């Protein structure tokens, strides 16, 4: 591909990604001061049969809400690299958030287990309620707070009565 073909392909990709027809795109360019821009002109630019002039590129970038250099990017492989980098960043952010949430959950579970050990006067229904939550949060937890045998979930405690 020569430069005009790559630039035209970039223009077409950004335009179609936004669901804009060649006719609407031509009208938008003309309404922003680009004279003589018709659907046939857009078609020629996108096929690489006519160069995208500098001012046209600036206006096209504004209409498409992209940086002008994105239209003139001559390395189509760079988009794949950017997409891969974005995906890798998103995975890293999600993994970090997951790890932070998991750490927070573990802290809360440890606090609840300590509470169960120390709260000797806690009624059975409330104790089972906390046990159920701990068992749901930690599926590998198969013993009650005393560390003896499987926990008996029992019924969920009733909601407190309103006065």
C-alpha atoms as a PDB file:
ATOM      1  CA  UNK A   1       0.000   0.000   0.000  1.00  0.00           C
ATOM      2  CA  UNK A   2       1.242   3.471  -0.761  1.00  0.00           C
ATOM      3  CA  UNK A   3       0.835   6.369   1.676  1.00  0.00           C
ATOM      4  CA  UNK A   4      -2.446   7.629   0.207  1.00  0.00           C
ATOM      5  CA  UNK A   5      -3.956   4.139   0.393  1.00  0.00           C
ATOM      6  CA  UNK A   6      -2.950   3.733   4.055  1.00  0.00           C
ATOM      7  CA  UNK A   7      -4.294   7.187   4.960  1.00  0.00           C
ATOM      8  CA  UNK A   8      -7.504   6.433   3.050  1.00  0.00           C
ATOM      9  CA  UNK A   9      -7.878   3.106   4.855  1.00  0.00           C
ATOM     10  CA  UNK A  10      -7.379   4.872   8.199  1.00  0.00           C
ATOM     11  CA  UNK A  11     -10.046   7.428   7.286  1.00  0.00           C
ATOM     12  CA  UNK A  12     -12.480   4.699   6.199  1.00  0.00           C
ATOM     13  CA  UNK A  13     -11.885   2.673   9.387  1.00  0.00           C
ATOM     14  CA  UNK A  14     -12.518   5.647  11.712  1.00  0.00           C
ATOM     15  CA  UNK A  15     -15.557   6.750   9.697  1.00  0.00           C
ATOM     16  CA  UNK A  16     -17.182   3.309   9.558  1.00  0.00           C
ATOM     17  CA  UNK A  17     -16.349   2.599  13.219  1.00  0.00           C
ATOM     18  CA  UNK A  18     -18.519   5.596  14.034  1.00  0.00           C
ATOM     19  CA  UNK A  19     -21.329   4.528  11.725  1.00  0.00           C
ATOM     20  CA  UNK A  20     -21.005   7.596   9.484  1.00  0.00           C
ATOM     21  CA  UNK A  21     -21.851   7.228   5.800  1.00  0.00           C
ATOM     22  CA  UNK A  22     -19.680   8.800   3.118  1.00  0.00           C
ATOM     23  CA  UNK A  23     -22.527  11.217   2.306  1.00  0.00           C
ATOM     24  CA  UNK A  24     -22.939  12.366   5.929  1.00  0.00           C
ATOM     25  CA  UNK A  25     -19.189  12.611   6.345  1.00  0.00           C
ATOM     26  CA  UNK A  26     -18.886  14.773   3.212  1.00  0.00           C
ATOM     27  CA  UNK A  27     -21.686  17.055   4.477  1.00  0.00           C
ATOM     28  CA  UNK A  28     -20.001  17.342   7.888  1.00  0.00           C
ATOM     29  CA  UNK A  29     -16.690  18.288   6.263  1.00  0.00           C
ATOM     30  CA  UNK A  30     -18.374  20.907   4.059  1.00  0.00           C
ATOM     31  CA  UNK A  31     -20.234  22.352   7.055  1.00  0.00           C
ATOM     32  CA  UNK A  32     -16.826  22.741   8.753  1.00  0.00           C
ATOM     33  CA  UNK A  33     -15.391  24.718   5.833  1.00  0.00           C
ATOM     34  CA  UNK A  34     -13.962  22.076   3.492  1.00  0.00           C
ATOM     35  CA  UNK A  35     -15.119  23.043  -0.003  1.00  0.00           C
ATOM     36  CA  UNK A  36     -15.831  20.524  -2.766  1.00  0.00           C
ATOM     37  CA  UNK A  37     -16.147  17.505  -0.499  1.00  0.00           C
ATOM     38  CA  UNK A  38     -18.668  15.047  -1.940  1.00  0.00           C
ATOM     39  CA  UNK A  39     -19.288  11.341  -1.294  1.00  0.00           C
ATOM     40  CA  UNK A  40     -17.359  10.541  -4.489  1.00  0.00           C
ATOM     41  CA  UNK A  41     -14.406  12.556  -3.141  1.00  0.00           C
ATOM     42  CA  UNK A  42     -14.510  10.630   0.149  1.00  0.00           C
ATOM     43  CA  UNK A  43     -14.626   7.393  -1.839  1.00  0.00           C
ATOM     44  CA  UNK A  44     -11.542   8.387  -3.867  1.00  0.00           C
ATOM     45  CA  UNK A  45      -9.621   9.389  -0.713  1.00  0.00           C
ATOM     46  CA  UNK A  46     -10.527   6.134   1.032  1.00  0.00           C
ATOM     47  CA  UNK A  47      -9.362   4.118  -2.002  1.00  0.00           C
ATOM     48  CA  UNK A  48      -6.074   6.025  -2.126  1.00  0.00           C
ATOM     49  CA  UNK A  49      -6.947   7.544  -5.534  1.00  0.00           C
ATOM     50  CA  UNK A  50      -6.781  11.097  -4.155  1.00  0.00           C
ATOM     51  CA  UNK A  51      -4.603  12.407  -1.337  1.00  0.00           C
ATOM     52  CA  UNK A  52      -6.151  13.713   1.870  1.00  0.00           C
ATOM     53  CA  UNK A  53      -5.002  17.325   2.030  1.00  0.00           C
ATOM     54  CA  UNK A  54      -3.679  18.746   5.287  1.00  0.00           C
ATOM     55  CA  UNK A  55      -6.653  21.026   6.090  1.00  0.00           C
ATOM     56  CA  UNK A  56      -9.095  18.269   5.108  1.00  0.00           C
ATOM     57  CA  UNK A  57      -7.295  15.903   7.473  1.00  0.00           C
ATOM     58  CA  UNK A  58      -7.490  18.371  10.360  1.00  0.00           C
ATOM     59  CA  UNK A  59     -11.220  18.871   9.848  1.00  0.00           C
ATOM     60  CA  UNK A  60     -11.821  15.144   9.291  1.00  0.00           C
ATOM     61  CA  UNK A  61     -10.027  14.379  12.558  1.00  0.00           C
ATOM     62  CA  UNK A  62     -12.224  16.901  14.389  1.00  0.00           C
ATOM     63  CA  UNK A  63     -15.407  15.440  12.857  1.00  0.00           C
ATOM     64  CA  UNK A  64     -14.296  11.874  13.695  1.00  0.00           C
ATOM     65  CA  UNK A  65     -13.066  12.892  17.164  1.00  0.00           C
ATOM     66  CA  UNK A  66      -9.574  11.484  16.660  1.00  0.00           C
ATOM     67  CA  UNK A  67      -6.138  13.047  16.768  1.00  0.00           C
ATOM     68  CA  UNK A  68      -5.026  14.178  13.285  1.00  0.00           C
ATOM     69  CA  UNK A  69      -1.939  11.964  13.468  1.00  0.00           C
ATOM     70  CA  UNK A  70      -4.237   8.919  13.731  1.00  0.00           C
ATOM     71  CA  UNK A  71      -5.382   9.545  10.155  1.00  0.00           C
ATOM     72  CA  UNK A  72      -1.809   9.911   8.916  1.00  0.00           C
ATOM     73  CA  UNK A  73      -0.491   6.833  10.757  1.00  0.00           C
ATOM     74  CA  UNK A  74       1.379   4.918   8.052  1.00  0.00           C
ATOM     75  CA  UNK A  75       1.938   1.815  10.185  1.00  0.00           C
ATOM     76  CA  UNK A  76      -1.326  -0.155  10.269  1.00  0.00           C
ATOM     77  CA  UNK A  77       0.382  -2.718  12.518  1.00  0.00           C
ATOM     78  CA  UNK A  78       0.690   0.008  15.177  1.00  0.00           C
ATOM     79  CA  UNK A  79      -3.082  -0.146  15.750  1.00  0.00           C
ATOM     80  CA  UNK A  80      -2.793  -3.821  16.583  1.00  0.00           C
ATOM     81  CA  UNK A  81       0.076  -3.016  18.957  1.00  0.00           C
ATOM     82  CA  UNK A  82      -1.986  -0.255  20.611  1.00  0.00           C
ATOM     83  CA  UNK A  83      -4.987  -2.577  20.933  1.00  0.00           C
ATOM     84  CA  UNK A  84      -2.793  -5.286  22.446  1.00  0.00           C
ATOM     85  CA  UNK A  85      -1.249  -2.797  24.871  1.00  0.00           C
ATOM     86  CA  UNK A  86      -4.702  -1.527  25.866  1.00  0.00           C
ATOM     87  CA  UNK A  87      -5.946  -5.077  26.484  1.00  0.00           C
ATOM     88  CA  UNK A  88      -2.845  -5.909  28.513  1.00  0.00           C
ATOM     89  CA  UNK A  89      -3.328  -2.730  30.598  1.00  0.00           C
ATOM     90  CA  UNK A  90      -7.001  -3.548  31.188  1.00  0.00           C
ATOM     91  CA  UNK A  91      -6.140  -7.091  32.266  1.00  0.00           C
ATOM     92  CA  UNK A  92      -3.490  -5.757  34.645  1.00  0.00           C
ATOM     93  CA  UNK A  93      -5.905  -3.196  36.143  1.00  0.00           C
ATOM     94  CA  UNK A  94      -8.619  -5.832  36.556  1.00  0.00           C
ATOM     95  CA  UNK A  95      -6.174  -8.293  38.127  1.00  0.00           C
ATOM     96  CA  UNK A  96      -4.955  -5.608  40.537  1.00  0.00           C
ATOM     97  CA  UNK A  97      -8.545  -4.720  41.459  1.00  0.00           C
ATOM     98  CA  UNK A  98      -9.389  -8.407  41.909  1.00  0.00           C
ATOM     99  CA  UNK A  99      -6.356  -8.909  44.154  1.00  0.00           C
ATOM    100  CA  UNK A 100      -7.244  -5.844  46.238  1.00  0.00           C
ATOM    101  CA  UNK A 101     -10.852  -7.026  46.585  1.00  0.00           C
ATOM    102  CA  UNK A 102      -9.692 -10.530  47.525  1.00  0.00           C
ATOM    103  CA  UNK A 103      -7.313  -9.091  50.143  1.00  0.00           C
ATOM    104  CA  UNK A 104     -10.149  -6.970  51.529  1.00  0.00           C
ATOM    105  CA  UNK A 105     -12.460  -9.987  51.654  1.00  0.00           C
ATOM    106  CA  UNK A 106      -9.826 -12.008  53.505  1.00  0.00           C
ATOM    107  CA  UNK A 107      -9.379  -9.199  56.034  1.00  0.00           C
ATOM    108  CA  UNK A 108     -13.129  -9.056  56.651  1.00  0.00           C
ATOM    109  CA  UNK A 109     -13.339 -12.852  56.984  1.00  0.00           C
ATOM    110  CA  UNK A 110     -10.480 -12.891  59.495  1.00  0.00           C
ATOM    111  CA  UNK A 111     -12.239 -10.156  61.457  1.00  0.00           C
ATOM    112  CA  UNK A 112     -15.489 -12.165  61.399  1.00  0.00           C
ATOM    113  CA  UNK A 113     -13.735 -15.345  62.547  1.00  0.00           C
ATOM    114  CA  UNK A 114     -12.092 -13.452  65.390  1.00  0.00           C
ATOM    115  CA  UNK A 115     -15.468 -11.961  66.293  1.00  0.00           C
ATOM    116  CA  UNK A 116     -17.009 -15.452  66.405  1.00  0.00           C
ATOM    117  CA  UNK A 117     -14.206 -16.739  68.647  1.00  0.00           C
ATOM    118  CA  UNK A 118     -14.540 -13.807  71.055  1.00  0.00           C
ATOM    119  CA  UNK A 119     -18.339 -13.438  71.096  1.00  0.00           C
ATOM    120  CA  UNK A 120     -19.323 -16.189  73.495  1.00  0.00           C
ATOM    121  CA  UNK A 121     -22.698 -14.582  74.188  1.00  0.00           C
ATOM    122  CA  UNK A 122     -23.683 -14.396  70.484  1.00  0.00           C
ATOM    123  CA  UNK A 123     -27.027 -16.099  69.837  1.00  0.00           C
ATOM    124  CA  UNK A 124     -27.054 -19.207  67.637  1.00  0.00           C
ATOM    125  CA  UNK A 125     -28.974 -17.618  64.771  1.00  0.00           C
ATOM    126  CA  UNK A 126     -26.524 -14.710  64.477  1.00  0.00           C
ATOM    127  CA  UNK A 127     -23.597 -17.109  64.710  1.00  0.00           C
ATOM    128  CA  UNK A 128     -25.048 -19.231  61.851  1.00  0.00           C
ATOM    129  CA  UNK A 129     -25.630 -16.089  59.808  1.00  0.00           C
ATOM    130  CA  UNK A 130     -21.955 -15.138  60.057  1.00  0.00           C
ATOM    131  CA  UNK A 131     -20.924 -18.772  59.457  1.00  0.00           C
ATOM    132  CA  UNK A 132     -23.027 -18.843  56.261  1.00  0.00           C
ATOM    133  CA  UNK A 133     -21.385 -15.674  55.002  1.00  0.00           C
ATOM    134  CA  UNK A 134     -17.919 -17.015  55.792  1.00  0.00           C
ATOM    135  CA  UNK A 135     -18.665 -20.322  54.058  1.00  0.00           C
ATOM    136  CA  UNK A 136     -19.928 -18.475  50.982  1.00  0.00           C
ATOM    137  CA  UNK A 137     -16.864 -16.214  50.921  1.00  0.00           C
ATOM    138  CA  UNK A 138     -14.418 -19.041  51.514  1.00  0.00           C
ATOM    139  CA  UNK A 139     -15.706 -22.262  49.926  1.00  0.00           C
ATOM    140  CA  UNK A 140     -12.695 -24.166  51.273  1.00  0.00           C
ATOM    141  CA  UNK A 141     -13.755 -23.279  54.838  1.00  0.00           C
ATOM    142  CA  UNK A 142     -15.558 -26.394  56.046  1.00  0.00           C
ATOM    143  CA  UNK A 143     -15.400 -25.992  59.797  1.00  0.00           C
ATOM    144  CA  UNK A 144     -17.251 -23.773  62.191  1.00  0.00           C
ATOM    145  CA  UNK A 145     -15.581 -20.904  64.009  1.00  0.00           C
ATOM    146  CA  UNK A 146     -14.389 -23.247  66.743  1.00  0.00           C
ATOM    147  CA  UNK A 147     -12.600 -25.294  64.079  1.00  0.00           C
ATOM    148  CA  UNK A 148     -14.653 -28.382  64.878  1.00  0.00           C
ATOM    149  CA  UNK A 149     -16.552 -30.321  62.217  1.00  0.00           C
ATOM    150  CA  UNK A 150     -18.607 -28.988  59.350  1.00  0.00           C
ATOM    151  CA  UNK A 151     -20.578 -25.871  59.944  1.00  0.00           C
ATOM    152  CA  UNK A 152     -24.365 -26.274  60.046  1.00  0.00           C
ATOM    153  CA  UNK A 153     -25.702 -23.331  58.056  1.00  0.00           C
ATOM    154  CA  UNK A 154     -29.210 -23.561  59.445  1.00  0.00           C
ATOM    155  CA  UNK A 155     -31.853 -20.986  58.632  1.00  0.00           C
ATOM    156  CA  UNK A 156     -31.006 -17.354  58.124  1.00  0.00           C
ATOM    157  CA  UNK A 157     -31.819 -15.289  61.224  1.00  0.00           C
ATOM    158  CA  UNK A 158     -34.974 -13.192  61.100  1.00  0.00           C
ATOM    159  CA  UNK A 159     -34.692  -9.508  60.325  1.00  0.00           C
ATOM    160  CA  UNK A 160     -34.795  -7.254  63.401  1.00  0.00           C
ATOM    161  CA  UNK A 161     -38.250  -5.990  64.276  1.00  0.00           C
ATOM    162  CA  UNK A 162     -38.970  -2.339  63.678  1.00  0.00           C
ATOM    163  CA  UNK A 163     -40.474  -0.292  66.509  1.00  0.00           C
END
